Amino acid sequence: MSNSNARHLSFWKRGLGRVPESVWDETSLETLVLADNRLREVSPRIGGLKALRMLDLGHNELTCVPEALGDLDGLTDFLYLHDNRLSELPSSLGRLQKLRYLNISENAFAALPESITRMAGLIELRTSDNRLTSLPESIAGLARLREIHLRNNLLTSLPESIGALRELRQIDLRGNPLTILPESIATLPRLEKLDLRWVDLLAAPQWIVDLESRGCAVYR
């Protein structure tokens, strides 16, 4: 049995293997938890759950998600896709303009999907433990972003356009093979934390001292 009422449904860690078709009939759902169920696919019928504010598909075996996920334009709170086998996302996800929190950590992304850079409402983005070698200049579109978590990727540099993210408070770059950082980071007015631990190839630029002098905590 699921733990449910008219608006909330959780199948957390039930070993389902497949989502019951009856779930897609629950069109008044606001939260849906399907985490840790060995799921390999999600039905396009998920696009009919227009009232969803939070969706958790983490800890599964997904190699793709349906285009219909982009139809969930009421998704505001959280979208968890972490710990799957994803290497790309459909362009339709760029329509999720109200989404505030996205977690795609622990997947197989070699590049940050362009659709993410169109999610203008994002406040927190977690992309740790992937295979990212770079970030697109279009990341500047995430003007409301406060936290970006990039731990344990393959980044050697960041785009200058990261300086456009004027609301950024935290940047987590732990465990990346960075050799250079853009000076635009020093111009971020609200930056509180820059985590550079286990970044062994980077010669710390002079402007880091300026960041620290104004109260930003730099971990290295």
C-alpha atoms as a PDB file:
ATOM      1  CA  MET A   1       0.000   0.000   0.000  1.00  0.00           C
ATOM      2  CA  SER A   2       1.136   3.523  -0.656  1.00  0.00           C
ATOM      3  CA  ASN A   3       1.113   6.346   1.834  1.00  0.00           C
ATOM      4  CA  SER A   4      -1.325   8.669   0.129  1.00  0.00           C
ATOM      5  CA  ASN A   5      -4.100  11.160   0.266  1.00  0.00           C
ATOM      6  CA  ALA A   6      -5.673  13.253  -2.457  1.00  0.00           C
ATOM      7  CA  ARG A   7      -2.568  15.418  -2.924  1.00  0.00           C
ATOM      8  CA  HIS A   8       0.441  13.384  -1.751  1.00  0.00           C
ATOM      9  CA  LEU A   9       1.646   9.968  -2.829  1.00  0.00           C
ATOM     10  CA  SER A  10       4.798   8.129  -1.799  1.00  0.00           C
ATOM     11  CA  PHE A  11       6.101   4.804  -3.085  1.00  0.00           C
ATOM     12  CA  TRP A  12       9.556   5.324  -1.573  1.00  0.00           C
ATOM     13  CA  LYS A  13      11.744   2.211  -1.655  1.00  0.00           C
ATOM     14  CA  ARG A  14       8.993  -0.232  -2.600  1.00  0.00           C
ATOM     15  CA  GLY A  15      10.984  -2.155  -5.215  1.00  0.00           C
ATOM     16  CA  LEU A  16       8.228  -1.602  -7.766  1.00  0.00           C
ATOM     17  CA  GLY A  17      10.263  -1.964 -10.959  1.00  0.00           C
ATOM     18  CA  ARG A  18       7.390  -0.240 -12.759  1.00  0.00           C
ATOM     19  CA  VAL A  19       5.028   2.573 -11.786  1.00  0.00           C
ATOM     20  CA  PRO A  20       1.421   1.353 -11.386  1.00  0.00           C
ATOM     21  CA  GLU A  21      -0.761   2.768 -14.193  1.00  0.00           C
ATOM     22  CA  SER A  22      -3.289   3.955 -11.594  1.00  0.00           C
ATOM     23  CA  VAL A  23      -0.796   6.595 -10.422  1.00  0.00           C
ATOM     24  CA  TRP A  24      -1.256   8.565 -13.648  1.00  0.00           C
ATOM     25  CA  ASP A  25      -4.981   8.913 -12.909  1.00  0.00           C
ATOM     26  CA  GLU A  26      -4.279  10.857  -9.699  1.00  0.00           C
ATOM     27  CA  THR A  27      -4.398  14.242 -11.412  1.00  0.00           C
ATOM     28  CA  SER A  28      -4.765  16.226  -8.170  1.00  0.00           C
ATOM     29  CA  LEU A  29      -1.356  15.074  -6.867  1.00  0.00           C
ATOM     30  CA  GLU A  30       0.958  17.826  -5.623  1.00  0.00           C
ATOM     31  CA  THR A  31       3.824  15.590  -4.489  1.00  0.00           C
ATOM     32  CA  LEU A  32       4.894  12.255  -5.951  1.00  0.00           C
ATOM     33  CA  VAL A  33       7.757  10.176  -4.559  1.00  0.00           C
ATOM     34  CA  LEU A  34       8.960   7.273  -6.726  1.00  0.00           C
ATOM     35  CA  ALA A  35      12.502   7.091  -5.356  1.00  0.00           C
ATOM     36  CA  ASP A  36      14.473   3.867  -4.999  1.00  0.00           C
ATOM     37  CA  ASN A  37      12.248   1.551  -7.017  1.00  0.00           C
ATOM     38  CA  ARG A  38      14.611   0.193  -9.705  1.00  0.00           C
ATOM     39  CA  LEU A  39      12.616   2.106 -12.323  1.00  0.00           C
ATOM     40  CA  ARG A  40      13.963   1.972 -15.878  1.00  0.00           C
ATOM     41  CA  GLU A  41      11.270   4.089 -17.497  1.00  0.00           C
ATOM     42  CA  VAL A  42       8.554   6.582 -16.692  1.00  0.00           C
ATOM     43  CA  SER A  43       5.340   6.770 -18.691  1.00  0.00           C
ATOM     44  CA  PRO A  44       4.646   9.886 -20.802  1.00  0.00           C
ATOM     45  CA  ARG A  45       1.346   9.957 -18.913  1.00  0.00           C
ATOM     46  CA  ILE A  46       3.230  11.732 -16.135  1.00  0.00           C
ATOM     47  CA  GLY A  47       2.643  14.915 -18.149  1.00  0.00           C
ATOM     48  CA  GLY A  48      -1.001  14.794 -17.070  1.00  0.00           C
ATOM     49  CA  LEU A  49      -0.166  15.431 -13.408  1.00  0.00           C
ATOM     50  CA  LYS A  50      -0.501  19.191 -13.849  1.00  0.00           C
ATOM     51  CA  ALA A  51      -0.831  19.934 -10.123  1.00  0.00           C
ATOM     52  CA  LEU A  52       2.580  18.467  -9.205  1.00  0.00           C
ATOM     53  CA  ARG A  53       4.834  20.782  -7.199  1.00  0.00           C
ATOM     54  CA  MET A  54       7.418  18.145  -6.202  1.00  0.00           C
ATOM     55  CA  LEU A  55       8.598  15.026  -8.043  1.00  0.00           C
ATOM     56  CA  ASP A  56      11.196  12.559  -6.766  1.00  0.00           C
ATOM     57  CA  LEU A  57      12.612  10.066  -9.284  1.00  0.00           C
ATOM     58  CA  GLY A  58      15.945   9.647  -7.515  1.00  0.00           C
ATOM     59  CA  HIS A  59      17.814   6.392  -6.837  1.00  0.00           C
ATOM     60  CA  ASN A  60      16.488   4.494  -9.842  1.00  0.00           C
ATOM     61  CA  GLU A  61      17.907   3.073 -13.097  1.00  0.00           C
ATOM     62  CA  LEU A  62      16.590   5.647 -15.558  1.00  0.00           C
ATOM     63  CA  THR A  63      18.567   6.264 -18.745  1.00  0.00           C
ATOM     64  CA  CYS A  64      16.046   8.858 -19.972  1.00  0.00           C
ATOM     65  CA  VAL A  65      12.974  10.766 -18.859  1.00  0.00           C
ATOM     66  CA  PRO A  66       9.972  11.498 -21.095  1.00  0.00           C
ATOM     67  CA  GLU A  67       9.492  14.740 -23.012  1.00  0.00           C
ATOM     68  CA  ALA A  68       6.178  15.021 -21.166  1.00  0.00           C
ATOM     69  CA  LEU A  69       8.064  15.985 -18.005  1.00  0.00           C
ATOM     70  CA  GLY A  70       8.254  19.453 -19.546  1.00  0.00           C
ATOM     71  CA  ASP A  71       4.453  19.684 -19.367  1.00  0.00           C
ATOM     72  CA  LEU A  72       4.587  19.902 -15.568  1.00  0.00           C
ATOM     73  CA  ASP A  73       4.685  23.672 -15.580  1.00  0.00           C
ATOM     74  CA  GLY A  74       3.319  23.788 -12.030  1.00  0.00           C
ATOM     75  CA  LEU A  75       6.476  22.073 -10.742  1.00  0.00           C
ATOM     76  CA  THR A  76       7.820  24.661  -8.316  1.00  0.00           C
ATOM     77  CA  ASP A  77       9.462  23.028  -5.309  1.00  0.00           C
ATOM     78  CA  PHE A  78      11.759  20.126  -6.179  1.00  0.00           C
ATOM     79  CA  LEU A  79      12.717  17.822  -9.036  1.00  0.00           C
ATOM     80  CA  TYR A  80      14.990  14.982  -7.940  1.00  0.00           C
ATOM     81  CA  LEU A  81      16.677  12.987 -10.719  1.00  0.00           C
ATOM     82  CA  HIS A  82      19.859  12.076  -8.838  1.00  0.00           C
ATOM     83  CA  ASP A  83      21.458   8.630  -8.743  1.00  0.00           C
ATOM     84  CA  ASN A  84      20.212   7.349 -12.080  1.00  0.00           C
ATOM     85  CA  ARG A  85      21.937   6.617 -15.414  1.00  0.00           C
ATOM     86  CA  LEU A  86      21.034   9.815 -17.241  1.00  0.00           C
ATOM     87  CA  SER A  87      23.365  11.407 -19.789  1.00  0.00           C
ATOM     88  CA  GLU A  88      20.920  13.876 -21.341  1.00  0.00           C
ATOM     89  CA  LEU A  89      17.585  15.562 -20.679  1.00  0.00           C
ATOM     90  CA  PRO A  90      14.822  16.474 -23.151  1.00  0.00           C
ATOM     91  CA  SER A  91      14.738  20.090 -24.326  1.00  0.00           C
ATOM     92  CA  SER A  92      11.148  20.317 -23.047  1.00  0.00           C
ATOM     93  CA  LEU A  93      12.447  20.609 -19.486  1.00  0.00           C
ATOM     94  CA  GLY A  94      13.425  24.170 -20.305  1.00  0.00           C
ATOM     95  CA  ARG A  95       9.717  24.985 -19.900  1.00  0.00           C
ATOM     96  CA  LEU A  96       9.937  24.382 -16.139  1.00  0.00           C
ATOM     97  CA  GLN A  97      10.260  28.096 -15.458  1.00  0.00           C
ATOM     98  CA  LYS A  98       8.926  27.962 -11.885  1.00  0.00           C
ATOM     99  CA  LEU A  99      11.152  25.143 -10.612  1.00  0.00           C
ATOM    100  CA  ARG A 100      13.372  26.252  -7.728  1.00  0.00           C
ATOM    101  CA  TYR A 101      15.452  23.132  -6.907  1.00  0.00           C
ATOM    102  CA  LEU A 102      16.933  20.593  -9.316  1.00  0.00           C
ATOM    103  CA  ASN A 103      19.197  17.677  -8.415  1.00  0.00           C
ATOM    104  CA  ILE A 104      20.858  15.695 -11.251  1.00  0.00           C
ATOM    105  CA  SER A 105      23.850  14.493  -9.202  1.00  0.00           C
ATOM    106  CA  GLU A 106      25.250  10.952  -9.534  1.00  0.00           C
ATOM    107  CA  ASN A 107      24.430  10.442 -13.197  1.00  0.00           C
ATOM    108  CA  ALA A 108      26.473  10.278 -16.416  1.00  0.00           C
ATOM    109  CA  PHE A 109      26.241  13.828 -17.758  1.00  0.00           C
ATOM    110  CA  ALA A 110      29.298  14.878 -19.771  1.00  0.00           C
ATOM    111  CA  ALA A 111      27.695  18.250 -20.521  1.00  0.00           C
ATOM    112  CA  LEU A 112      25.138  20.325 -18.664  1.00  0.00           C
ATOM    113  CA  PRO A 113      21.892  20.041 -20.647  1.00  0.00           C
ATOM    114  CA  GLU A 114      20.962  23.335 -22.307  1.00  0.00           C
ATOM    115  CA  SER A 115      17.396  22.858 -21.093  1.00  0.00           C
ATOM    116  CA  ILE A 116      18.612  23.456 -17.534  1.00  0.00           C
ATOM    117  CA  THR A 117      20.019  26.865 -18.430  1.00  0.00           C
ATOM    118  CA  ARG A 118      16.500  27.925 -19.455  1.00  0.00           C
ATOM    119  CA  MET A 119      15.014  27.096 -16.031  1.00  0.00           C
ATOM    120  CA  ALA A 120      15.005  30.742 -15.040  1.00  0.00           C
ATOM    121  CA  GLY A 121      13.435  30.160 -11.623  1.00  0.00           C
ATOM    122  CA  LEU A 122      16.158  27.854 -10.280  1.00  0.00           C
ATOM    123  CA  ILE A 123      17.559  28.823  -6.886  1.00  0.00           C
ATOM    124  CA  GLU A 124      19.618  25.677  -6.241  1.00  0.00           C
ATOM    125  CA  LEU A 125      21.280  23.358  -8.783  1.00  0.00           C
ATOM    126  CA  ARG A 126      23.052  20.151  -7.785  1.00  0.00           C
ATOM    127  CA  THR A 127      25.159  18.443 -10.454  1.00  0.00           C
ATOM    128  CA  SER A 128      27.799  16.684  -8.336  1.00  0.00           C
ATOM    129  CA  ASP A 129      29.357  13.329  -9.226  1.00  0.00           C
ATOM    130  CA  ASN A 130      28.906  13.491 -12.996  1.00  0.00           C
ATOM    131  CA  ARG A 131      31.411  13.784 -15.870  1.00  0.00           C
ATOM    132  CA  LEU A 132      31.026  17.466 -16.713  1.00  0.00           C
ATOM    133  CA  THR A 133      34.057  18.824 -18.540  1.00  0.00           C
ATOM    134  CA  SER A 134      32.687  22.358 -18.978  1.00  0.00           C
ATOM    135  CA  LEU A 135      29.703  24.595 -18.343  1.00  0.00           C
ATOM    136  CA  PRO A 136      27.943  26.457 -21.167  1.00  0.00           C
ATOM    137  CA  GLU A 137      28.098  30.255 -21.396  1.00  0.00           C
ATOM    138  CA  SER A 138      24.292  30.119 -21.313  1.00  0.00           C
ATOM    139  CA  ILE A 139      24.441  29.350 -17.597  1.00  0.00           C
ATOM    140  CA  ALA A 140      24.135  33.130 -17.304  1.00  0.00           C
ATOM    141  CA  GLY A 141      20.397  32.573 -17.819  1.00  0.00           C
ATOM    142  CA  LEU A 142      20.035  31.268 -14.251  1.00  0.00           C
ATOM    143  CA  ALA A 143      19.848  34.775 -12.827  1.00  0.00           C
ATOM    144  CA  ARG A 144      18.105  33.712  -9.594  1.00  0.00           C
ATOM    145  CA  LEU A 145      20.556  30.921  -8.738  1.00  0.00           C
ATOM    146  CA  ARG A 146      21.884  31.042  -5.156  1.00  0.00           C
ATOM    147  CA  GLU A 147      23.724  27.713  -4.940  1.00  0.00           C
ATOM    148  CA  ILE A 148      25.521  25.617  -7.548  1.00  0.00           C
ATOM    149  CA  HIS A 149      27.060  22.300  -6.511  1.00  0.00           C
ATOM    150  CA  LEU A 150      29.628  20.875  -8.956  1.00  0.00           C
ATOM    151  CA  ARG A 151      31.648  18.545  -6.725  1.00  0.00           C
ATOM    152  CA  ASN A 152      33.510  15.618  -8.315  1.00  0.00           C
ATOM    153  CA  ASN A 153      33.243  16.439 -12.005  1.00  0.00           C
ATOM    154  CA  LEU A 154      35.932  16.903 -14.679  1.00  0.00           C
ATOM    155  CA  LEU A 155      35.888  20.693 -14.903  1.00  0.00           C
ATOM    156  CA  THR A 156      39.176  22.386 -15.817  1.00  0.00           C
ATOM    157  CA  SER A 157      37.676  25.889 -16.049  1.00  0.00           C
ATOM    158  CA  LEU A 158      34.427  27.838 -15.716  1.00  0.00           C
ATOM    159  CA  PRO A 159      32.868  30.309 -18.172  1.00  0.00           C
ATOM    160  CA  GLU A 160      33.276  34.045 -17.560  1.00  0.00           C
ATOM    161  CA  SER A 161      29.492  34.271 -17.751  1.00  0.00           C
ATOM    162  CA  ILE A 162      29.228  32.816 -14.257  1.00  0.00           C
ATOM    163  CA  GLY A 163      29.792  36.402 -13.178  1.00  0.00           C
ATOM    164  CA  ALA A 164      26.248  37.169 -14.377  1.00  0.00           C
ATOM    165  CA  LEU A 165      24.786  35.091 -11.541  1.00  0.00           C
ATOM    166  CA  ARG A 166      24.486  38.018  -9.166  1.00  0.00           C
ATOM    167  CA  GLU A 167      22.427  36.108  -6.582  1.00  0.00           C
ATOM    168  CA  LEU A 168      25.009  33.323  -6.075  1.00  0.00           C
ATOM    169  CA  ARG A 169      25.810  32.604  -2.434  1.00  0.00           C
ATOM    170  CA  GLN A 170      27.607  29.248  -2.721  1.00  0.00           C
ATOM    171  CA  ILE A 171      29.810  27.591  -5.348  1.00  0.00           C
ATOM    172  CA  ASP A 172      31.007  24.046  -4.591  1.00  0.00           C
ATOM    173  CA  LEU A 173      33.891  23.012  -6.861  1.00  0.00           C
ATOM    174  CA  ARG A 174      35.459  20.298  -4.724  1.00  0.00           C
ATOM    175  CA  GLY A 175      37.342  17.530  -6.462  1.00  0.00           C
ATOM    176  CA  ASN A 176      37.579  19.078  -9.946  1.00  0.00           C
ATOM    177  CA  PRO A 177      40.816  19.296 -11.984  1.00  0.00           C
ATOM    178  CA  LEU A 178      40.505  23.089 -12.311  1.00  0.00           C
ATOM    179  CA  THR A 179      43.554  24.935 -13.601  1.00  0.00           C
ATOM    180  CA  ILE A 180      41.994  28.404 -13.885  1.00  0.00           C
ATOM    181  CA  LEU A 181      39.030  30.342 -12.530  1.00  0.00           C
ATOM    182  CA  PRO A 182      37.357  33.334 -14.180  1.00  0.00           C
ATOM    183  CA  GLU A 183      37.981  36.640 -12.459  1.00  0.00           C
ATOM    184  CA  SER A 184      34.274  37.399 -12.810  1.00  0.00           C
ATOM    185  CA  ILE A 185      33.716  35.265  -9.693  1.00  0.00           C
ATOM    186  CA  ALA A 186      35.308  38.065  -7.683  1.00  0.00           C
ATOM    187  CA  THR A 187      32.537  40.429  -8.796  1.00  0.00           C
ATOM    188  CA  LEU A 188      29.687  38.304  -7.399  1.00  0.00           C
ATOM    189  CA  PRO A 189      28.218  40.640  -4.767  1.00  0.00           C
ATOM    190  CA  ARG A 190      26.481  38.051  -2.573  1.00  0.00           C
ATOM    191  CA  LEU A 191      29.007  35.213  -2.640  1.00  0.00           C
ATOM    192  CA  GLU A 192      29.409  33.708   0.847  1.00  0.00           C
ATOM    193  CA  LYS A 193      31.186  30.402   0.195  1.00  0.00           C
ATOM    194  CA  LEU A 194      33.629  29.178  -2.471  1.00  0.00           C
ATOM    195  CA  ASP A 195      34.700  25.578  -1.886  1.00  0.00           C
ATOM    196  CA  LEU A 196      37.950  24.608  -3.626  1.00  0.00           C
ATOM    197  CA  ARG A 197      39.001  21.648  -1.515  1.00  0.00           C
ATOM    198  CA  TRP A 198      40.706  18.783  -3.368  1.00  0.00           C
ATOM    199  CA  VAL A 199      41.342  21.100  -6.342  1.00  0.00           C
ATOM    200  CA  ASP A 200      45.037  20.311  -6.574  1.00  0.00           C
ATOM    201  CA  LEU A 201      46.011  21.835  -9.934  1.00  0.00           C
ATOM    202  CA  LEU A 202      44.802  25.372  -9.307  1.00  0.00           C
ATOM    203  CA  ALA A 203      47.176  28.200  -8.450  1.00  0.00           C
ATOM    204  CA  ALA A 204      45.025  30.454  -6.285  1.00  0.00           C
ATOM    205  CA  PRO A 205      44.485  33.797  -8.053  1.00  0.00           C
ATOM    206  CA  GLN A 206      45.091  37.050  -6.216  1.00  0.00           C
ATOM    207  CA  TRP A 207      41.430  38.019  -6.245  1.00  0.00           C
ATOM    208  CA  ILE A 208      40.632  35.185  -3.831  1.00  0.00           C
ATOM    209  CA  VAL A 209      42.287  37.280  -1.125  1.00  0.00           C
ATOM    210  CA  ASP A 210      39.899  40.097  -2.005  1.00  0.00           C
ATOM    211  CA  LEU A 211      36.939  37.737  -1.672  1.00  0.00           C
ATOM    212  CA  GLU A 212      38.102  36.624   1.758  1.00  0.00           C
ATOM    213  CA  SER A 213      38.707  40.170   2.898  1.00  0.00           C
ATOM    214  CA  ARG A 214      35.095  41.060   2.263  1.00  0.00           C
ATOM    215  CA  GLY A 215      33.834  38.042   4.263  1.00  0.00           C
ATOM    216  CA  CYS A 216      33.478  35.238   1.709  1.00  0.00           C
ATOM    217  CA  ALA A 217      34.621  31.891   3.125  1.00  0.00           C
ATOM    218  CA  VAL A 218      37.057  30.251   0.707  1.00  0.00           C
ATOM    219  CA  TYR A 219      37.861  26.616   1.459  1.00  0.00           C
ATOM    220  CA  ARG A 220      41.039  25.254  -0.156  1.00  0.00           C
END
